[in-house]
Full PDB file with SEQRES, HELIX, SHEET, SSBOND, CRYST1, ORIGX, SCALE, CONECT and MASTER records, all heavy atoms in Angstrom:
SEQRES   1 A   34  SER GLY ARG GLU LEU PHE GLU LYS SER CYS LYS LEU CYS          
SEQRES   2 A   34  HIS GLY LEU ASP ARG SER LEU ALA THR ASN ARG ASP ALA          
SEQRES   3 A   34  ALA ALA TRP ALA VAL ILE VAL LYS                              
HELIX    1 AA1 GLY A    2  CYS A   10  1                                   9    
HELIX    2 AA2 LEU A   16  LEU A   20  1                                   5    
HELIX    3 AA3 ALA A   26  VAL A   33  1                                   8    
CRYST1    1.000    1.000    1.000  90.00  90.00  90.00 P 1           1          
ORIGX1      1.000000  0.000000  0.000000        0.00000                         
ORIGX2      0.000000  1.000000  0.000000        0.00000                         
ORIGX3      0.000000  0.000000  1.000000        0.00000                         
SCALE1      1.000000  0.000000  0.000000        0.00000                         
SCALE2      0.000000  1.000000  0.000000        0.00000                         
SCALE3      0.000000  0.000000  1.000000        0.00000                         
ATOM      1  N   SER A   1     111.157 100.763  93.866  1.00  0.00           N  
ATOM      2  CA  SER A   1     112.174 100.168  94.774  1.00  0.00           C  
ATOM      3  C   SER A   1     111.587  99.572  95.997  1.00  0.00           C  
ATOM      4  O   SER A   1     111.993  98.414  96.396  1.00  0.00           O  
ATOM      5  CB  SER A   1     113.180 101.247  95.212  1.00  0.00           C  
ATOM      6  OG  SER A   1     113.922 101.765  94.097  1.00  0.00           O  
ATOM      7  N   GLY A   2     110.563 100.183  96.607  1.00  0.00           N  
ATOM      8  CA  GLY A   2     109.905  99.614  97.790  1.00  0.00           C  
ATOM      9  C   GLY A   2     109.227  98.281  97.429  1.00  0.00           C  
ATOM     10  O   GLY A   2     109.309  97.287  98.195  1.00  0.00           O  
ATOM     11  N   ARG A   3     108.588  98.214  96.261  1.00  0.00           N  
ATOM     12  CA  ARG A   3     107.968  96.923  95.850  1.00  0.00           C  
ATOM     13  C   ARG A   3     108.994  95.841  95.633  1.00  0.00           C  
ATOM     14  O   ARG A   3     108.816  94.747  96.031  1.00  0.00           O  
ATOM     15  CB  ARG A   3     107.199  97.191  94.563  1.00  0.00           C  
ATOM     16  CG  ARG A   3     106.489  95.931  94.092  1.00  0.00           C  
ATOM     17  CD  ARG A   3     105.823  96.205  92.744  1.00  0.00           C  
ATOM     18  NE  ARG A   3     105.055  95.068  92.331  1.00  0.00           N  
ATOM     19  CZ  ARG A   3     104.493  94.913  91.150  1.00  0.00           C  
ATOM     20  NH1 ARG A   3     104.518  95.956  90.260  1.00  0.00           N  
ATOM     21  NH2 ARG A   3     103.854  93.883  90.806  1.00  0.00           N  
ATOM     22  N   GLU A   4     110.108  96.248  94.919  1.00  0.00           N  
ATOM     23  CA  GLU A   4     111.152  95.213  94.643  1.00  0.00           C  
ATOM     24  C   GLU A   4     111.791  94.696  96.002  1.00  0.00           C  
ATOM     25  O   GLU A   4     112.035  93.549  96.091  1.00  0.00           O  
ATOM     26  CB  GLU A   4     112.221  95.777  93.778  1.00  0.00           C  
ATOM     27  CG  GLU A   4     111.750  96.045  92.347  1.00  0.00           C  
ATOM     28  CD  GLU A   4     112.793  96.834  91.534  1.00  0.00           C  
ATOM     29  OE1 GLU A   4     113.821  97.199  92.010  1.00  0.00           O  
ATOM     30  OE2 GLU A   4     112.434  97.113  90.338  1.00  0.00           O  
ATOM     31  N   LEU A   5     112.105  95.640  96.850  1.00  0.00           N  
ATOM     32  CA  LEU A   5     112.647  95.267  98.149  1.00  0.00           C  
ATOM     33  C   LEU A   5     111.705  94.365  98.919  1.00  0.00           C  
ATOM     34  O   LEU A   5     112.133  93.405  99.606  1.00  0.00           O  
ATOM     35  CB  LEU A   5     113.059  96.479  98.945  1.00  0.00           C  
ATOM     36  CG  LEU A   5     114.292  97.234  98.415  1.00  0.00           C  
ATOM     37  CD1 LEU A   5     114.304  98.679  99.044  1.00  0.00           C  
ATOM     38  CD2 LEU A   5     115.563  96.455  98.670  1.00  0.00           C  
ATOM     39  N   PHE A   6     110.481  94.748  98.921  1.00  0.00           N  
ATOM     40  CA  PHE A   6     109.401  93.937  99.672  1.00  0.00           C  
ATOM     41  C   PHE A   6     109.392  92.544  99.081  1.00  0.00           C  
ATOM     42  O   PHE A   6     109.457  91.576  99.810  1.00  0.00           O  
ATOM     43  CB  PHE A   6     108.098  94.665  99.570  1.00  0.00           C  
ATOM     44  CG  PHE A   6     106.899  93.693  99.873  1.00  0.00           C  
ATOM     45  CD1 PHE A   6     106.681  93.392 101.230  1.00  0.00           C  
ATOM     46  CD2 PHE A   6     106.105  93.257  98.886  1.00  0.00           C  
ATOM     47  CE1 PHE A   6     105.613  92.583 101.567  1.00  0.00           C  
ATOM     48  CE2 PHE A   6     105.039  92.406  99.238  1.00  0.00           C  
ATOM     49  CZ  PHE A   6     104.794  92.088 100.529  1.00  0.00           C  
ATOM     50  N   GLU A   7     109.277  92.447  97.750  1.00  0.00           N  
ATOM     51  CA  GLU A   7     109.151  91.181  97.161  1.00  0.00           C  
ATOM     52  C   GLU A   7     110.400  90.258  97.319  1.00  0.00           C  
ATOM     53  O   GLU A   7     110.272  89.052  97.606  1.00  0.00           O  
ATOM     54  CB  GLU A   7     108.851  91.300  95.672  1.00  0.00           C  
ATOM     55  CG  GLU A   7     107.402  91.827  95.425  1.00  0.00           C  
ATOM     56  CD  GLU A   7     107.121  92.157  93.968  1.00  0.00           C  
ATOM     57  OE1 GLU A   7     108.043  92.115  93.135  1.00  0.00           O  
ATOM     58  OE2 GLU A   7     105.932  92.442  93.682  1.00  0.00           O  
ATOM     59  N   LYS A   8     111.566  90.850  97.308  1.00  0.00           N  
ATOM     60  CA  LYS A   8     112.793  90.090  97.484  1.00  0.00           C  
ATOM     61  C   LYS A   8     113.078  89.713  98.911  1.00  0.00           C  
ATOM     62  O   LYS A   8     113.490  88.623  99.244  1.00  0.00           O  
ATOM     63  CB  LYS A   8     113.974  90.860  96.931  1.00  0.00           C  
ATOM     64  CG  LYS A   8     114.025  90.929  95.402  1.00  0.00           C  
ATOM     65  CD  LYS A   8     115.172  91.713  94.892  1.00  0.00           C  
ATOM     66  CE  LYS A   8     115.085  91.830  93.412  1.00  0.00           C  
ATOM     67  NZ  LYS A   8     116.178  92.591  92.853  1.00  0.00           N  
ATOM     68  N   SER A   9     112.824  90.575  99.859  1.00  0.00           N  
ATOM     69  CA  SER A   9     113.151  90.423 101.265  1.00  0.00           C  
ATOM     70  C   SER A   9     112.137  89.605 102.011  1.00  0.00           C  
ATOM     71  O   SER A   9     112.453  88.736 102.789  1.00  0.00           O  
ATOM     72  CB  SER A   9     113.395  91.739 101.962  1.00  0.00           C  
ATOM     73  OG  SER A   9     114.434  92.437 101.297  1.00  0.00           O  
ATOM     74  N   CYS A  10     110.850  89.914 101.834  1.00  0.00           N  
ATOM     75  CA  CYS A  10     109.812  89.350 102.687  1.00  0.00           C  
ATOM     76  C   CYS A  10     109.518  87.867 102.272  1.00  0.00           C  
ATOM     77  O   CYS A  10     109.137  87.105 103.167  1.00  0.00           O  
ATOM     78  CB  CYS A  10     108.583  90.219 102.652  1.00  0.00           C  
ATOM     79  SG  CYS A  10     108.931  91.880 103.244  1.00  0.00           S  
ATOM     80  N   LYS A  11     109.636  87.554 100.998  1.00  0.00           N  
ATOM     81  CA  LYS A  11     109.348  86.173 100.646  1.00  0.00           C  
ATOM     82  C   LYS A  11     110.416  85.181 101.099  1.00  0.00           C  
ATOM     83  O   LYS A  11     110.163  83.897 101.015  1.00  0.00           O  
ATOM     84  CB  LYS A  11     109.208  86.119  99.112  1.00  0.00           C  
ATOM     85  CG  LYS A  11     110.487  86.173  98.332  1.00  0.00           C  
ATOM     86  CD  LYS A  11     110.206  86.057  96.858  1.00  0.00           C  
ATOM     87  CE  LYS A  11     111.481  86.140  96.026  1.00  0.00           C  
ATOM     88  NZ  LYS A  11     111.231  86.064  94.639  1.00  0.00           N  
ATOM     89  N   LEU A  12     111.512  85.600 101.743  1.00  0.00           N  
ATOM     90  CA  LEU A  12     112.437  84.680 102.260  1.00  0.00           C  
ATOM     91  C   LEU A  12     111.884  83.848 103.387  1.00  0.00           C  
ATOM     92  O   LEU A  12     112.264  82.693 103.656  1.00  0.00           O  
ATOM     93  CB  LEU A  12     113.678  85.451 102.737  1.00  0.00           C  
ATOM     94  CG  LEU A  12     114.475  86.152 101.719  1.00  0.00           C  
ATOM     95  CD1 LEU A  12     115.573  87.002 102.409  1.00  0.00           C  
ATOM     96  CD2 LEU A  12     115.105  85.167 100.756  1.00  0.00           C  
ATOM     97  N   CYS A  13     110.956  84.452 104.108  1.00  0.00           N  
ATOM     98  CA  CYS A  13     110.388  83.766 105.299  1.00  0.00           C  
ATOM     99  C   CYS A  13     108.943  83.337 105.200  1.00  0.00           C  
ATOM    100  O   CYS A  13     108.498  82.520 105.886  1.00  0.00           O  
ATOM    101  CB  CYS A  13     110.604  84.658 106.540  1.00  0.00           C  
ATOM    102  SG  CYS A  13     112.283  84.998 106.926  1.00  0.00           S  
ATOM    103  N   HIS A  14     108.113  84.090 104.445  1.00  0.00           N  
ATOM    104  CA  HIS A  14     106.745  83.795 104.300  1.00  0.00           C  
ATOM    105  C   HIS A  14     106.207  84.250 102.951  1.00  0.00           C  
ATOM    106  O   HIS A  14     106.835  85.074 102.259  1.00  0.00           O  
ATOM    107  CB  HIS A  14     105.956  84.444 105.482  1.00  0.00           C  
ATOM    108  CG  HIS A  14     106.199  85.907 105.615  1.00  0.00           C  
ATOM    109  ND1 HIS A  14     105.609  86.846 104.770  1.00  0.00           N  
ATOM    110  CD2 HIS A  14     106.894  86.644 106.475  1.00  0.00           C  
ATOM    111  CE1 HIS A  14     105.955  88.107 105.145  1.00  0.00           C  
ATOM    112  NE2 HIS A  14     106.756  87.929 106.194  1.00  0.00           N  
ATOM    113  N   GLY A  15     104.994  83.901 102.687  1.00  0.00           N  
ATOM    114  CA  GLY A  15     104.344  84.261 101.398  1.00  0.00           C  
ATOM    115  C   GLY A  15     104.057  85.773 101.409  1.00  0.00           C  
ATOM    116  O   GLY A  15     103.753  86.311 102.449  1.00  0.00           O  
ATOM    117  N   LEU A  16     104.069  86.445 100.290  1.00  0.00           N  
ATOM    118  CA  LEU A  16     103.854  87.832 100.189  1.00  0.00           C  
ATOM    119  C   LEU A  16     102.360  88.113 100.496  1.00  0.00           C  
ATOM    120  O   LEU A  16     102.023  89.229 101.006  1.00  0.00           O  
ATOM    121  CB  LEU A  16     104.225  88.379  98.830  1.00  0.00           C  
ATOM    122  CG  LEU A  16     105.675  88.182  98.507  1.00  0.00           C  
ATOM    123  CD1 LEU A  16     105.954  88.786  97.098  1.00  0.00           C  
ATOM    124  CD2 LEU A  16     106.611  88.899  99.510  1.00  0.00           C  
ATOM    125  N   ASP A  17     101.456  87.206 100.183  1.00  0.00           N  
ATOM    126  CA  ASP A  17     100.022  87.454 100.409  1.00  0.00           C  
ATOM    127  C   ASP A  17      99.786  87.606 101.889  1.00  0.00           C  
ATOM    128  O   ASP A  17      98.812  88.347 102.275  1.00  0.00           O  
ATOM    129  CB  ASP A  17      99.224  86.308  99.842  1.00  0.00           C  
ATOM    130  CG  ASP A  17      99.578  84.885 100.318  1.00  0.00           C  
ATOM    131  OD1 ASP A  17     100.765  84.729 100.742  1.00  0.00           O  
ATOM    132  OD2 ASP A  17      98.752  84.032 100.409  1.00  0.00           O  
ATOM    133  N   ARG A  18     100.590  87.058 102.720  1.00  0.00           N  
ATOM    134  CA  ARG A  18     100.396  87.211 104.221  1.00  0.00           C  
ATOM    135  C   ARG A  18     100.585  88.620 104.594  1.00  0.00           C  
ATOM    136  O   ARG A  18      99.788  89.199 105.379  1.00  0.00           O  
ATOM    137  CB  ARG A  18     101.490  86.354 104.929  1.00  0.00           C  
ATOM    138  CG  ARG A  18     101.380  86.443 106.396  1.00  0.00           C  
ATOM    139  CD  ARG A  18     102.435  85.536 107.026  1.00  0.00           C  
ATOM    140  NE  ARG A  18     102.421  85.663 108.477  1.00  0.00           N  
ATOM    141  CZ  ARG A  18     103.228  85.082 109.299  1.00  0.00           C  
ATOM    142  NH1 ARG A  18     104.086  84.227 108.793  1.00  0.00           N  
ATOM    143  NH2 ARG A  18     103.181  85.264 110.559  1.00  0.00           N  
ATOM    144  N   SER A  19     101.571  89.331 104.005  1.00  0.00           N  
ATOM    145  CA  SER A  19     101.786  90.797 104.378  1.00  0.00           C  
ATOM    146  C   SER A  19     100.670  91.608 103.704  1.00  0.00           C  
ATOM    147  O   SER A  19     100.297  92.692 104.264  1.00  0.00           O  
ATOM    148  CB  SER A  19     103.112  91.249 103.838  1.00  0.00           C  
ATOM    149  OG  SER A  19     104.116  90.493 104.503  1.00  0.00           O  
ATOM    150  N   LEU A  20     100.262  91.278 102.529  1.00  0.00           N  
ATOM    151  CA  LEU A  20      99.305  92.091 101.803  1.00  0.00           C  
ATOM    152  C   LEU A  20      97.843  91.880 102.257  1.00  0.00           C  
ATOM    153  O   LEU A  20      96.938  92.587 101.723  1.00  0.00           O  
ATOM    154  CB  LEU A  20      99.452  91.849 100.314  1.00  0.00           C  
ATOM    155  CG  LEU A  20     100.893  92.161  99.710  1.00  0.00           C  
ATOM    156  CD1 LEU A  20     100.927  91.806  98.265  1.00  0.00           C  
ATOM    157  CD2 LEU A  20     101.170  93.682  99.967  1.00  0.00           C  
ATOM    158  N   ALA A  21      97.611  90.954 103.153  1.00  0.00           N  
ATOM    159  CA  ALA A  21      96.285  90.617 103.591  1.00  0.00           C  
ATOM    160  C   ALA A  21      95.635  91.659 104.570  1.00  0.00           C  
ATOM    161  O   ALA A  21      94.458  91.654 104.716  1.00  0.00           O  
ATOM    162  CB  ALA A  21      96.199  89.246 104.223  1.00  0.00           C  
ATOM    163  N   THR A  22      96.467  92.529 105.117  1.00  0.00           N  
ATOM    164  CA  THR A  22      95.954  93.440 106.051  1.00  0.00           C  
ATOM    165  C   THR A  22      96.319  94.897 105.624  1.00  0.00           C  
ATOM    166  O   THR A  22      97.325  95.082 104.996  1.00  0.00           O  
ATOM    167  CB  THR A  22      96.512  93.259 107.503  1.00  0.00           C  
ATOM    168  OG1 THR A  22      97.936  93.367 107.445  1.00  0.00           O  
ATOM    169  CG2 THR A  22      96.150  91.881 107.996  1.00  0.00           C  
ATOM    170  N   ASN A  23      95.485  95.802 106.013  1.00  0.00           N  
ATOM    171  CA  ASN A  23      95.796  97.234 105.726  1.00  0.00           C  
ATOM    172  C   ASN A  23      96.132  97.916 107.002  1.00  0.00           C  
ATOM    173  O   ASN A  23      95.470  97.794 107.990  1.00  0.00           O  
ATOM    174  CB  ASN A  23      94.468  97.922 105.145  1.00  0.00           C  
ATOM    175  CG  ASN A  23      94.151  97.308 103.802  1.00  0.00           C  
ATOM    176  OD1 ASN A  23      95.028  96.953 103.006  1.00  0.00           O  
ATOM    177  ND2 ASN A  23      92.823  97.167 103.529  1.00  0.00           N  
ATOM    178  N   ARG A  24      97.246  98.619 106.903  1.00  0.00           N  
ATOM    179  CA  ARG A  24      97.751  99.415 108.059  1.00  0.00           C  
ATOM    180  C   ARG A  24      98.303 100.724 107.551  1.00  0.00           C  
ATOM    181  O   ARG A  24      98.615 100.872 106.363  1.00  0.00           O  
ATOM    182  CB  ARG A  24      98.956  98.588 108.701  1.00  0.00           C  
ATOM    183  CG  ARG A  24      98.542  97.140 109.123  1.00  0.00           C  
ATOM    184  CD  ARG A  24      99.744  96.477 109.668  1.00  0.00           C  
ATOM    185  NE  ARG A  24      99.624  95.048 109.750  1.00  0.00           N  
ATOM    186  CZ  ARG A  24      98.964  94.382 110.655  1.00  0.00           C  
ATOM    187  NH1 ARG A  24      98.238  95.093 111.524  1.00  0.00           N  
ATOM    188  NH2 ARG A  24      98.894  93.081 110.685  1.00  0.00           N  
ATOM    189  N   ASP A  25      98.441 101.617 108.520  1.00  0.00           N  
ATOM    190  CA  ASP A  25      99.056 102.926 108.084  1.00  0.00           C  
ATOM    191  C   ASP A  25     100.547 102.838 108.231  1.00  0.00           C  
ATOM    192  O   ASP A  25     101.110 101.783 108.605  1.00  0.00           O  
ATOM    193  CB  ASP A  25      98.516 104.040 109.047  1.00  0.00           C  
ATOM    194  CG  ASP A  25      98.897 103.917 110.509  1.00  0.00           C  
ATOM    195  OD1 ASP A  25      99.721 103.050 110.877  1.00  0.00           O  
ATOM    196  OD2 ASP A  25      98.403 104.661 111.327  1.00  0.00           O  
ATOM    197  N   ALA A  26     101.254 103.866 107.749  1.00  0.00           N  
ATOM    198  CA  ALA A  26     102.711 103.835 107.707  1.00  0.00           C  
ATOM    199  C   ALA A  26     103.334 103.545 109.071  1.00  0.00           C  
ATOM    200  O   ALA A  26     104.326 102.836 109.158  1.00  0.00           O  
ATOM    201  CB  ALA A  26     103.176 105.141 107.097  1.00  0.00           C  
ATOM    202  N   ALA A  27     102.826 104.111 110.164  1.00  0.00           N  
ATOM    203  CA  ALA A  27     103.385 103.915 111.464  1.00  0.00           C  
ATOM    204  C   ALA A  27     103.350 102.454 111.865  1.00  0.00           C  
ATOM    205  O   ALA A  27     104.272 101.862 112.393  1.00  0.00           O  
ATOM    206  CB  ALA A  27     102.690 104.758 112.472  1.00  0.00           C  
ATOM    207  N   ALA A  28     102.222 101.787 111.588  1.00  0.00           N  
ATOM    208  CA  ALA A  28     102.015 100.371 111.893  1.00  0.00           C  
ATOM    209  C   ALA A  28     103.001  99.519 111.042  1.00  0.00           C  
ATOM    210  O   ALA A  28     103.616  98.552 111.563  1.00  0.00           O  
ATOM    211  CB  ALA A  28     100.604  99.912 111.740  1.00  0.00           C  
ATOM    212  N   TRP A  29     103.061  99.875 109.732  1.00  0.00           N  
ATOM    213  CA  TRP A  29     104.006  99.109 108.893  1.00  0.00           C  
ATOM    214  C   TRP A  29     105.443  99.284 109.359  1.00  0.00           C  
ATOM    215  O   TRP A  29     106.265  98.380 109.248  1.00  0.00           O  
ATOM    216  CB  TRP A  29     103.849  99.505 107.426  1.00  0.00           C  
ATOM    217  CG  TRP A  29     102.638  98.845 106.743  1.00  0.00           C  
ATOM    218  CD1 TRP A  29     101.576  99.480 106.184  1.00  0.00           C  
ATOM    219  CD2 TRP A  29     102.395  97.500 106.542  1.00  0.00           C  
ATOM    220  NE1 TRP A  29     100.731  98.586 105.693  1.00  0.00           N  
ATOM    221  CE2 TRP A  29     101.162  97.359 105.908  1.00  0.00           C  
ATOM    222  CE3 TRP A  29     103.105  96.324 106.883  1.00  0.00           C  
ATOM    223  CZ2 TRP A  29     100.647  96.099 105.548  1.00  0.00           C  
ATOM    224  CZ3 TRP A  29     102.614  95.103 106.606  1.00  0.00           C  
ATOM    225  CH2 TRP A  29     101.395  94.984 105.864  1.00  0.00           C  
ATOM    226  N   ALA A  30     105.760 100.470 109.809  1.00  0.00           N  
ATOM    227  CA  ALA A  30     107.209 100.681 110.240  1.00  0.00           C  
ATOM    228  C   ALA A  30     107.544  99.787 111.376  1.00  0.00           C  
ATOM    229  O   ALA A  30     108.633  99.199 111.495  1.00  0.00           O  
ATOM    230  CB  ALA A  30     107.379 102.171 110.622  1.00  0.00           C  
ATOM    231  N   VAL A  31     106.580  99.679 112.338  1.00  0.00           N  
ATOM    232  CA  VAL A  31     106.819  98.745 113.482  1.00  0.00           C  
ATOM    233  C   VAL A  31     106.992  97.271 112.976  1.00  0.00           C  
ATOM    234  O   VAL A  31     107.881  96.563 113.414  1.00  0.00           O  
ATOM    235  CB  VAL A  31     105.672  98.826 114.498  1.00  0.00           C  
ATOM    236  CG1 VAL A  31     105.710  97.696 115.577  1.00  0.00           C  
ATOM    237  CG2 VAL A  31     105.629 100.217 115.127  1.00  0.00           C  
ATOM    238  N   ILE A  32     106.161  96.870 112.084  1.00  0.00           N  
ATOM    239  CA  ILE A  32     106.180  95.516 111.598  1.00  0.00           C  
ATOM    240  C   ILE A  32     107.520  95.232 110.804  1.00  0.00           C  
ATOM    241  O   ILE A  32     108.200  94.214 110.993  1.00  0.00           O  
ATOM    242  CB  ILE A  32     104.969  95.163 110.663  1.00  0.00           C  
ATOM    243  CG1 ILE A  32     103.724  95.129 111.567  1.00  0.00           C  
ATOM    244  CG2 ILE A  32     105.148  93.874 109.892  1.00  0.00           C  
ATOM    245  CD1 ILE A  32     102.447  95.081 110.817  1.00  0.00           C  
ATOM    246  N   VAL A  33     107.896  96.205 109.938  1.00  0.00           N  
ATOM    247  CA  VAL A  33     109.142  96.038 109.182  1.00  0.00           C  
ATOM    248  C   VAL A  33     110.330  95.980 110.077  1.00  0.00           C  
ATOM    249  O   VAL A  33     111.199  95.149 109.964  1.00  0.00           O  
ATOM    250  CB  VAL A  33     109.319  97.153 108.071  1.00  0.00           C  
ATOM    251  CG1 VAL A  33     110.660  97.155 107.487  1.00  0.00           C  
ATOM    252  CG2 VAL A  33     108.209  96.972 106.989  1.00  0.00           C  
ATOM    253  N   LYS A  34     110.326  96.865 111.177  1.00  0.00           N  
ATOM    254  CA  LYS A  34     111.387  96.791 112.067  1.00  0.00           C  
ATOM    255  C   LYS A  34     111.515  95.494 112.797  1.00  0.00           C  
ATOM    256  O   LYS A  34     112.620  94.925 113.003  1.00  0.00           O  
ATOM    257  CB  LYS A  34     111.280  97.953 113.096  1.00  0.00           C  
ATOM    258  CG  LYS A  34     112.358  98.062 114.061  1.00  0.00           C  
ATOM    259  CD  LYS A  34     112.118  99.207 115.052  1.00  0.00           C  
ATOM    260  CE  LYS A  34     113.206  99.323 116.076  1.00  0.00           C  
ATOM    261  NZ  LYS A  34     113.000 100.474 117.006  1.00  0.00           N  
TER     262      LYS A  34                                                      
MASTER        0    0    0    3    0    0    0    6  261    1    0    3          
END                                                                             
């Protein structure tokens, strides 16, 4: 579900490779997703 939601929601504004180019922990990802 997380993968599907990521792929459907994030590609609306930018390429998915942009998000996947960096490694972050869950706390950092939560800030970015918010």
